[in-house]
Amino acid sequence: MEVQQRIMSMVSWVAQVPPTQICLTTNFKSDLDLDEIDVMSLILQLERWFNVVLTKEEVERIETVKDVSDCIARYATKFAA
Protein backbone atom coordinates (compact mmCIF):
# COMPACT_ATOMS: atom_id res chain seq x y z
CA MET A 1 0.00 0.00 0.00
CA GLU A 2 1.43 3.37 -0.93
CA VAL A 3 1.78 6.37 1.38
CA GLN A 4 -1.32 8.18 0.09
CA GLN A 5 -3.54 5.14 0.56
CA ARG A 6 -2.25 4.56 4.09
CA ILE A 7 -2.86 8.20 4.96
CA MET A 8 -6.37 8.17 3.50
CA SER A 9 -7.13 5.07 5.54
CA MET A 10 -5.90 6.73 8.74
CA VAL A 11 -7.84 9.93 7.98
CA SER A 12 -10.98 7.88 7.41
CA TRP A 13 -10.52 6.14 10.75
CA VAL A 14 -9.77 9.33 12.72
CA ALA A 15 -12.58 11.35 11.10
CA GLN A 16 -14.96 8.39 11.41
CA VAL A 17 -16.09 8.63 7.80
CA PRO A 18 -16.15 5.94 5.11
CA PRO A 19 -12.94 5.63 3.10
CA THR A 20 -14.91 6.44 -0.05
CA GLN A 21 -15.38 10.00 1.29
CA ILE A 22 -11.63 10.60 1.50
CA CYS A 23 -9.57 11.73 -1.49
CA LEU A 24 -6.40 13.75 -1.96
CA THR A 25 -8.29 17.05 -2.12
CA THR A 26 -10.21 16.38 1.11
CA ASN A 27 -9.75 19.37 3.42
CA PHE A 28 -9.46 18.45 7.09
CA LYS A 29 -11.39 21.44 8.38
CA SER A 30 -13.99 22.27 5.74
CA ASP A 31 -14.71 18.77 4.40
CA LEU A 32 -14.26 16.68 7.55
CA ASP A 33 -15.08 19.32 10.17
CA LEU A 34 -11.95 18.50 12.17
CA ASP A 35 -10.79 21.15 14.61
CA GLU A 36 -7.16 22.15 15.22
CA ILE A 37 -6.72 19.54 17.97
CA ASP A 38 -8.10 16.75 15.78
CA VAL A 39 -5.79 17.73 12.92
CA MET A 40 -2.75 17.90 15.20
CA SER A 41 -3.65 14.54 16.71
CA LEU A 42 -3.95 13.03 13.25
CA ILE A 43 -0.59 14.46 12.19
CA LEU A 44 1.08 13.12 15.34
CA GLN A 45 -0.40 9.67 14.69
CA LEU A 46 0.83 9.76 11.10
CA GLU A 47 4.30 10.83 12.23
CA ARG A 48 4.43 7.88 14.62
CA TRP A 49 3.02 5.46 12.05
CA PHE A 50 5.57 6.45 9.40
CA ASN A 51 8.37 7.16 11.89
CA VAL A 52 8.95 10.71 10.64
CA VAL A 53 9.01 14.17 12.21
CA LEU A 54 7.53 17.07 10.28
CA THR A 55 8.78 20.60 10.83
CA LYS A 56 6.54 23.24 12.39
CA GLU A 57 6.41 25.04 9.05
CA GLU A 58 5.29 21.90 7.24
CA VAL A 59 2.57 21.21 9.79
CA GLU A 60 1.27 24.79 9.54
CA ARG A 61 0.83 24.41 5.76
CA ILE A 62 -1.16 21.17 5.97
CA GLU A 63 -4.80 21.60 4.95
CA THR A 64 -5.58 18.58 2.77
CA VAL A 65 -4.82 14.89 2.57
CA LYS A 66 -2.44 15.62 -0.31
CA ASP A 67 -0.55 18.20 1.78
CA VAL A 68 0.16 15.73 4.57
CA SER A 69 0.84 12.93 2.10
CA ASP A 70 3.45 15.01 0.26
CA CYS A 71 5.18 15.95 3.52
CA ILE A 72 5.34 12.40 4.80
CA ALA A 73 6.36 10.97 1.44
CA ARG A 74 9.44 13.22 1.42
CA TYR A 75 10.69 11.52 4.60
CA ALA A 76 9.16 8.08 4.35
CA THR A 77 10.57 7.04 1.00
CA LYS A 78 10.66 3.40 2.08
CA PHE A 79 6.84 3.44 2.15
CA ALA A 80 6.44 5.00 -1.29
CA ALA A 81 5.19 2.79 -4.06
PDB file of N, CA and C in Angstrom:
ATOM      1  N   MET A   1       0.863  -1.192   0.000  1.00  0.00           N
ATOM      2  CA  MET A   1       0.000   0.000   0.000  1.00  0.00           C
ATOM      3  C   MET A   1       0.898   1.240   0.000  1.00  0.00           C
ATOM      4  N   GLU A   2       0.591   2.181  -0.850  1.00  0.00           N
ATOM      5  CA  GLU A   2       1.429   3.365  -0.934  1.00  0.00           C
ATOM      6  C   GLU A   2       1.077   4.378   0.157  1.00  0.00           C
ATOM      7  N   VAL A   3       1.925   5.376   0.325  1.00  0.00           N
ATOM      8  CA  VAL A   3       1.779   6.368   1.384  1.00  0.00           C
ATOM      9  C   VAL A   3       0.403   7.026   1.344  1.00  0.00           C
ATOM     10  N   GLN A   4      -0.037   7.471   0.178  1.00  0.00           N
ATOM     11  CA  GLN A   4      -1.318   8.177   0.085  1.00  0.00           C
ATOM     12  C   GLN A   4      -2.476   7.303   0.542  1.00  0.00           C
ATOM     13  N   GLN A   5      -2.469   6.038   0.157  1.00  0.00           N
ATOM     14  CA  GLN A   5      -3.541   5.140   0.556  1.00  0.00           C
ATOM     15  C   GLN A   5      -3.531   4.892   2.060  1.00  0.00           C
ATOM     16  N   ARG A   6      -2.363   4.749   2.633  1.00  0.00           N
ATOM     17  CA  ARG A   6      -2.253   4.555   4.085  1.00  0.00           C
ATOM     18  C   ARG A   6      -2.777   5.793   4.825  1.00  0.00           C
ATOM     19  N   ILE A   7      -2.417   6.954   4.327  1.00  0.00           N
ATOM     20  CA  ILE A   7      -2.859   8.197   4.965  1.00  0.00           C
ATOM     21  C   ILE A   7      -4.365   8.351   4.839  1.00  0.00           C
ATOM     22  N   MET A   8      -4.918   8.063   3.673  1.00  0.00           N
ATOM     23  CA  MET A   8      -6.365   8.175   3.498  1.00  0.00           C
ATOM     24  C   MET A   8      -7.100   7.205   4.419  1.00  0.00           C
ATOM     25  N   SER A   9      -6.534   6.043   4.621  1.00  0.00           N
ATOM     26  CA  SER A   9      -7.128   5.073   5.538  1.00  0.00           C
ATOM     27  C   SER A   9      -7.122   5.600   6.968  1.00  0.00           C
ATOM     28  N   MET A  10      -6.007   6.171   7.379  1.00  0.00           N
ATOM     29  CA  MET A  10      -5.899   6.732   8.737  1.00  0.00           C
ATOM     30  C   MET A  10      -6.850   7.911   8.910  1.00  0.00           C
ATOM     31  N   VAL A  11      -6.941   8.784   7.916  1.00  0.00           N
ATOM     32  CA  VAL A  11      -7.842   9.933   7.981  1.00  0.00           C
ATOM     33  C   VAL A  11      -9.288   9.456   8.108  1.00  0.00           C
ATOM     34  N   SER A  12      -9.640   8.448   7.347  1.00  0.00           N
ATOM     35  CA  SER A  12     -10.980   7.883   7.410  1.00  0.00           C
ATOM     36  C   SER A  12     -11.292   7.385   8.815  1.00  0.00           C
ATOM     37  N   TRP A  13     -10.346   6.690   9.400  1.00  0.00           N
ATOM     38  CA  TRP A  13     -10.524   6.140  10.750  1.00  0.00           C
ATOM     39  C   TRP A  13     -10.645   7.258  11.783  1.00  0.00           C
ATOM     40  N   VAL A  14      -9.756   8.242  11.734  1.00  0.00           N
ATOM     41  CA  VAL A  14      -9.769   9.332  12.717  1.00  0.00           C
ATOM     42  C   VAL A  14     -11.026  10.191  12.579  1.00  0.00           C
ATOM     43  N   ALA A  15     -11.409  10.495  11.337  1.00  0.00           N
ATOM     44  CA  ALA A  15     -12.576  11.352  11.097  1.00  0.00           C
ATOM     45  C   ALA A  15     -13.892  10.576  11.199  1.00  0.00           C
ATOM     46  N   GLN A  16     -13.786   9.266  11.307  1.00  0.00           N
ATOM     47  CA  GLN A  16     -14.956   8.391  11.407  1.00  0.00           C
ATOM     48  C   GLN A  16     -15.909   8.583  10.228  1.00  0.00           C
ATOM     49  N   VAL A  17     -15.322   8.556   9.037  1.00  0.00           N
ATOM     50  CA  VAL A  17     -16.095   8.626   7.797  1.00  0.00           C
ATOM     51  C   VAL A  17     -15.660   7.464   6.906  1.00  0.00           C
ATOM     52  N   PRO A  18     -16.527   7.032   6.013  1.00  0.00           N
ATOM     53  CA  PRO A  18     -16.152   5.939   5.107  1.00  0.00           C
ATOM     54  C   PRO A  18     -14.952   6.328   4.231  1.00  0.00           C
ATOM     55  N   PRO A  19     -14.106   5.360   3.942  1.00  0.00           N
ATOM     56  CA  PRO A  19     -12.938   5.632   3.098  1.00  0.00           C
ATOM     57  C   PRO A  19     -13.305   6.219   1.739  1.00  0.00           C
ATOM     58  N   THR A  20     -14.489   5.920   1.250  1.00  0.00           N
ATOM     59  CA  THR A  20     -14.909   6.445  -0.051  1.00  0.00           C
ATOM     60  C   THR A  20     -15.116   7.958  -0.025  1.00  0.00           C
ATOM     61  N   GLN A  21     -15.203   8.549   1.166  1.00  0.00           N
ATOM     62  CA  GLN A  21     -15.378   9.995   1.285  1.00  0.00           C
ATOM     63  C   GLN A  21     -14.047  10.737   1.395  1.00  0.00           C
ATOM     64  N   ILE A  22     -12.955  10.002   1.360  1.00  0.00           N
ATOM     65  CA  ILE A  22     -11.629  10.602   1.501  1.00  0.00           C
ATOM     66  C   ILE A  22     -10.910  10.536   0.163  1.00  0.00           C
ATOM     67  N   CYS A  23     -10.403  11.681  -0.281  1.00  0.00           N
ATOM     68  CA  CYS A  23      -9.573  11.727  -1.486  1.00  0.00           C
ATOM     69  C   CYS A  23      -8.434  12.713  -1.222  1.00  0.00           C
ATOM     70  N   LEU A  24      -7.558  12.883  -2.170  1.00  0.00           N
ATOM     71  CA  LEU A  24      -6.397  13.751  -1.962  1.00  0.00           C
ATOM     72  C   LEU A  24      -6.781  15.203  -1.718  1.00  0.00           C
ATOM     73  N   THR A  25      -7.884  15.648  -2.283  1.00  0.00           N
ATOM     74  CA  THR A  25      -8.287  17.050  -2.118  1.00  0.00           C
ATOM     75  C   THR A  25      -9.146  17.285  -0.873  1.00  0.00           C
ATOM     76  N   THR A  26      -9.397  16.238  -0.099  1.00  0.00           N
ATOM     77  CA  THR A  26     -10.205  16.382   1.110  1.00  0.00           C
ATOM     78  C   THR A  26      -9.519  17.336   2.079  1.00  0.00           C
ATOM     79  N   ASN A  27     -10.251  18.373   2.481  1.00  0.00           N
ATOM     80  CA  ASN A  27      -9.745  19.368   3.423  1.00  0.00           C
ATOM     81  C   ASN A  27     -10.155  18.939   4.828  1.00  0.00           C
ATOM     82  N   PHE A  28      -9.189  18.929   5.736  1.00  0.00           N
ATOM     83  CA  PHE A  28      -9.457  18.451   7.090  1.00  0.00           C
ATOM     84  C   PHE A  28     -10.518  19.278   7.808  1.00  0.00           C
ATOM     85  N   LYS A  29     -10.463  20.572   7.642  1.00  0.00           N
ATOM     86  CA  LYS A  29     -11.390  21.444   8.380  1.00  0.00           C
ATOM     87  C   LYS A  29     -12.727  21.599   7.673  1.00  0.00           C
ATOM     88  N   SER A  30     -12.719  21.975   6.408  1.00  0.00           N
ATOM     89  CA  SER A  30     -13.991  22.272   5.737  1.00  0.00           C
ATOM     90  C   SER A  30     -14.739  21.019   5.293  1.00  0.00           C
ATOM     91  N   ASP A  31     -14.038  19.978   4.870  1.00  0.00           N
ATOM     92  CA  ASP A  31     -14.714  18.773   4.402  1.00  0.00           C
ATOM     93  C   ASP A  31     -15.018  17.776   5.521  1.00  0.00           C
ATOM     94  N   LEU A  32     -14.102  17.676   6.481  1.00  0.00           N
ATOM     95  CA  LEU A  32     -14.263  16.680   7.547  1.00  0.00           C
ATOM     96  C   LEU A  32     -14.660  17.290   8.885  1.00  0.00           C
ATOM     97  N   ASP A  33     -14.687  18.619   8.941  1.00  0.00           N
ATOM     98  CA  ASP A  33     -15.077  19.320  10.166  1.00  0.00           C
ATOM     99  C   ASP A  33     -14.192  18.958  11.361  1.00  0.00           C
ATOM    100  N   LEU A  34     -12.896  18.761  11.093  1.00  0.00           N
ATOM    101  CA  LEU A  34     -11.949  18.496  12.172  1.00  0.00           C
ATOM    102  C   LEU A  34     -11.450  19.826  12.719  1.00  0.00           C
ATOM    103  N   ASP A  35     -11.329  19.918  14.030  1.00  0.00           N
ATOM    104  CA  ASP A  35     -10.787  21.145  14.615  1.00  0.00           C
ATOM    105  C   ASP A  35      -9.259  21.037  14.691  1.00  0.00           C
ATOM    106  N   GLU A  36      -8.631  22.102  15.165  1.00  0.00           N
ATOM    107  CA  GLU A  36      -7.158  22.150  15.224  1.00  0.00           C
ATOM    108  C   GLU A  36      -6.580  20.973  16.015  1.00  0.00           C
ATOM    109  N   ILE A  37      -7.212  20.632  17.121  1.00  0.00           N
ATOM    110  CA  ILE A  37      -6.717  19.544  17.967  1.00  0.00           C
ATOM    111  C   ILE A  37      -6.814  18.207  17.236  1.00  0.00           C
ATOM    112  N   ASP A  38      -7.937  17.985  16.550  1.00  0.00           N
ATOM    113  CA  ASP A  38      -8.096  16.752  15.776  1.00  0.00           C
ATOM    114  C   ASP A  38      -7.038  16.641  14.684  1.00  0.00           C
ATOM    115  N   VAL A  39      -6.789  17.738  13.993  1.00  0.00           N
ATOM    116  CA  VAL A  39      -5.792  17.735  12.916  1.00  0.00           C
ATOM    117  C   VAL A  39      -4.405  17.459  13.488  1.00  0.00           C
ATOM    118  N   MET A  40      -4.069  18.118  14.580  1.00  0.00           N
ATOM    119  CA  MET A  40      -2.749  17.898  15.196  1.00  0.00           C
ATOM    120  C   MET A  40      -2.613  16.456  15.681  1.00  0.00           C
ATOM    121  N   SER A  41      -3.667  15.921  16.255  1.00  0.00           N
ATOM    122  CA  SER A  41      -3.652  14.537  16.714  1.00  0.00           C
ATOM    123  C   SER A  41      -3.434  13.584  15.542  1.00  0.00           C
ATOM    124  N   LEU A  42      -4.115  13.850  14.444  1.00  0.00           N
ATOM    125  CA  LEU A  42      -3.951  13.035  13.248  1.00  0.00           C
ATOM    126  C   LEU A  42      -2.512  13.106  12.736  1.00  0.00           C
ATOM    127  N   ILE A  43      -1.962  14.293  12.678  1.00  0.00           N
ATOM    128  CA  ILE A  43      -0.587  14.465  12.195  1.00  0.00           C
ATOM    129  C   ILE A  43       0.397  13.729  13.096  1.00  0.00           C
ATOM    130  N   LEU A  44       0.203  13.829  14.408  1.00  0.00           N
ATOM    131  CA  LEU A  44       1.079  13.116  15.342  1.00  0.00           C
ATOM    132  C   LEU A  44       0.988  11.604  15.144  1.00  0.00           C
ATOM    133  N   GLN A  45      -0.222  11.107  14.938  1.00  0.00           N
ATOM    134  CA  GLN A  45      -0.395   9.672  14.695  1.00  0.00           C
ATOM    135  C   GLN A  45       0.297   9.259  13.404  1.00  0.00           C
ATOM    136  N   LEU A  46       0.175  10.066  12.371  1.00  0.00           N
ATOM    137  CA  LEU A  46       0.830   9.760  11.105  1.00  0.00           C
ATOM    138  C   LEU A  46       2.352   9.796  11.249  1.00  0.00           C
ATOM    139  N   GLU A  47       2.855  10.772  12.004  1.00  0.00           N
ATOM    140  CA  GLU A  47       4.305  10.835  12.232  1.00  0.00           C
ATOM    141  C   GLU A  47       4.790   9.558  12.922  1.00  0.00           C
ATOM    142  N   ARG A  48       4.045   9.103  13.919  1.00  0.00           N
ATOM    143  CA  ARG A  48       4.428   7.879  14.620  1.00  0.00           C
ATOM    144  C   ARG A  48       4.336   6.666  13.695  1.00  0.00           C
ATOM    145  N   TRP A  49       3.253   6.599  12.924  1.00  0.00           N
ATOM    146  CA  TRP A  49       3.024   5.460  12.049  1.00  0.00           C
ATOM    147  C   TRP A  49       4.127   5.325  10.999  1.00  0.00           C
ATOM    148  N   PHE A  50       4.548   6.473  10.445  1.00  0.00           N
ATOM    149  CA  PHE A  50       5.571   6.451   9.404  1.00  0.00           C
ATOM    150  C   PHE A  50       6.974   6.717   9.937  1.00  0.00           C
ATOM    151  N   ASN A  51       7.079   6.920  11.254  1.00  0.00           N
ATOM    152  CA  ASN A  51       8.372   7.157  11.888  1.00  0.00           C
ATOM    153  C   ASN A  51       9.104   8.344  11.260  1.00  0.00           C
ATOM    154  N   VAL A  52       8.390   9.470  11.175  1.00  0.00           N
ATOM    155  CA  VAL A  52       8.950  10.712  10.642  1.00  0.00           C
ATOM    156  C   VAL A  52       8.607  11.853  11.596  1.00  0.00           C
ATOM    157  N   VAL A  53       9.311  12.959  11.446  1.00  0.00           N
ATOM    158  CA  VAL A  53       9.010  14.170  12.215  1.00  0.00           C
ATOM    159  C   VAL A  53       8.915  15.319  11.222  1.00  0.00           C
ATOM    160  N   LEU A  54       7.740  15.933  11.164  1.00  0.00           N
ATOM    161  CA  LEU A  54       7.535  17.074  10.278  1.00  0.00           C
ATOM    162  C   LEU A  54       7.941  18.358  10.992  1.00  0.00           C
ATOM    163  N   THR A  55       8.406  19.322  10.236  1.00  0.00           N
ATOM    164  CA  THR A  55       8.778  20.603  10.825  1.00  0.00           C
ATOM    165  C   THR A  55       7.517  21.398  11.167  1.00  0.00           C
ATOM    166  N   LYS A  56       7.666  22.369  12.024  1.00  0.00           N
ATOM    167  CA  LYS A  56       6.542  23.236  12.389  1.00  0.00           C
ATOM    168  C   LYS A  56       5.971  23.921  11.146  1.00  0.00           C
ATOM    169  N   GLU A  57       6.843  24.360  10.260  1.00  0.00           N
ATOM    170  CA  GLU A  57       6.413  25.042   9.045  1.00  0.00           C
ATOM    171  C   GLU A  57       5.594  24.110   8.151  1.00  0.00           C
ATOM    172  N   GLU A  58       6.035  22.863   8.039  1.00  0.00           N
ATOM    173  CA  GLU A  58       5.286  21.896   7.236  1.00  0.00           C
ATOM    174  C   GLU A  58       3.899  21.659   7.820  1.00  0.00           C
ATOM    175  N   VAL A  59       3.849  21.472   9.117  1.00  0.00           N
ATOM    176  CA  VAL A  59       2.571  21.213   9.795  1.00  0.00           C
ATOM    177  C   VAL A  59       1.615  22.387   9.605  1.00  0.00           C
ATOM    178  N   GLU A  60       2.125  23.601   9.683  1.00  0.00           N
ATOM    179  CA  GLU A  60       1.273  24.788   9.543  1.00  0.00           C
ATOM    180  C   GLU A  60       0.671  24.907   8.144  1.00  0.00           C
ATOM    181  N   ARG A  61       1.322  24.327   7.143  1.00  0.00           N
ATOM    182  CA  ARG A  61       0.827  24.411   5.761  1.00  0.00           C
ATOM    183  C   ARG A  61      -0.152  23.291   5.406  1.00  0.00           C
ATOM    184  N   ILE A  62      -0.317  22.325   6.271  1.00  0.00           N
ATOM    185  CA  ILE A  62      -1.164  21.174   5.969  1.00  0.00           C
ATOM    186  C   ILE A  62      -2.638  21.538   6.087  1.00  0.00           C
ATOM    187  N   GLU A  63      -3.356  21.368   4.979  1.00  0.00           N
ATOM    188  CA  GLU A  63      -4.796  21.601   4.948  1.00  0.00           C
ATOM    189  C   GLU A  63      -5.560  20.427   4.356  1.00  0.00           C
ATOM    190  N   THR A  64      -4.905  19.676   3.475  1.00  0.00           N
ATOM    191  CA  THR A  64      -5.580  18.582   2.774  1.00  0.00           C
ATOM    192  C   THR A  64      -4.822  17.266   2.957  1.00  0.00           C
ATOM    193  N   VAL A  65      -5.464  16.198   2.537  1.00  0.00           N
ATOM    194  CA  VAL A  65      -4.821  14.891   2.572  1.00  0.00           C
ATOM    195  C   VAL A  65      -3.561  14.903   1.711  1.00  0.00           C
ATOM    196  N   LYS A  66      -3.607  15.544   0.561  1.00  0.00           N
ATOM    197  CA  LYS A  66      -2.435  15.623  -0.315  1.00  0.00           C
ATOM    198  C   LYS A  66      -1.285  16.366   0.357  1.00  0.00           C
ATOM    199  N   ASP A  67      -1.597  17.438   1.085  1.00  0.00           N
ATOM    200  CA  ASP A  67      -0.551  18.198   1.784  1.00  0.00           C
ATOM    201  C   ASP A  67       0.216  17.297   2.746  1.00  0.00           C
ATOM    202  N   VAL A  68      -0.505  16.578   3.578  1.00  0.00           N
ATOM    203  CA  VAL A  68       0.162  15.726   4.569  1.00  0.00           C
ATOM    204  C   VAL A  68       0.846  14.549   3.882  1.00  0.00           C
ATOM    205  N   SER A  69       0.239  14.038   2.842  1.00  0.00           N
ATOM    206  CA  SER A  69       0.836  12.933   2.099  1.00  0.00           C
ATOM    207  C   SER A  69       2.173  13.346   1.474  1.00  0.00           C
ATOM    208  N   ASP A  70       2.208  14.519   0.870  1.00  0.00           N
ATOM    209  CA  ASP A  70       3.445  15.012   0.263  1.00  0.00           C
ATOM    210  C   ASP A  70       4.549  15.192   1.305  1.00  0.00           C
ATOM    211  N   CYS A  71       4.191  15.745   2.455  1.00  0.00           N
ATOM    212  CA  CYS A  71       5.183  15.954   3.522  1.00  0.00           C
ATOM    213  C   CYS A  71       5.751  14.625   4.007  1.00  0.00           C
ATOM    214  N   ILE A  72       4.886  13.695   4.275  1.00  0.00           N
ATOM    215  CA  ILE A  72       5.338  12.404   4.798  1.00  0.00           C
ATOM    216  C   ILE A  72       6.114  11.631   3.738  1.00  0.00           C
ATOM    217  N   ALA A  73       5.675  11.690   2.507  1.00  0.00           N
ATOM    218  CA  ALA A  73       6.365  10.970   1.437  1.00  0.00           C
ATOM    219  C   ALA A  73       7.810  11.436   1.261  1.00  0.00           C
ATOM    220  N   ARG A  74       8.076  12.704   1.534  1.00  0.00           N
ATOM    221  CA  ARG A  74       9.443  13.216   1.423  1.00  0.00           C
ATOM    222  C   ARG A  74      10.381  12.507   2.404  1.00  0.00           C
ATOM    223  N   TYR A  75       9.847  12.150   3.574  1.00  0.00           N
ATOM    224  CA  TYR A  75      10.690  11.524   4.598  1.00  0.00           C
ATOM    225  C   TYR A  75      10.585  10.014   4.599  1.00  0.00           C
ATOM    226  N   ALA A  76       9.418   9.511   4.251  1.00  0.00           N
ATOM    227  CA  ALA A  76       9.159   8.076   4.354  1.00  0.00           C
ATOM    228  C   ALA A  76       9.283   7.399   2.997  1.00  0.00           C
ATOM    229  N   THR A  77      10.399   7.570   2.349  1.00  0.00           N
ATOM    230  CA  THR A  77      10.571   7.037   1.002  1.00  0.00           C
ATOM    231  C   THR A  77      10.453   5.519   0.980  1.00  0.00           C
ATOM    232  N   LYS A  78      10.752   4.846   2.075  1.00  0.00           N
ATOM    233  CA  LYS A  78      10.657   3.404   2.075  1.00  0.00           C
ATOM    234  C   LYS A  78       9.217   2.915   1.974  1.00  0.00           C
ATOM    235  N   PHE A  79       8.240   3.817   2.245  1.00  0.00           N
ATOM    236  CA  PHE A  79       6.839   3.437   2.150  1.00  0.00           C
ATOM    237  C   PHE A  79       6.257   3.785   0.795  1.00  0.00           C
ATOM    238  N   ALA A  80       6.970   4.569   0.003  1.00  0.00           N
ATOM    239  CA  ALA A  80       6.439   5.005  -1.291  1.00  0.00           C
ATOM    240  C   ALA A  80       6.370   3.820  -2.255  1.00  0.00           C
ATOM    241  N   ALA A  81       5.359   3.887  -3.098  1.00  0.00           N
ATOM    242  CA  ALA A  81       5.194   2.792  -4.064  1.00  0.00           C
ATOM    243  C   ALA A  81       6.066   3.036  -5.279  1.00  0.00           C
TER     244      ALA A  81
END
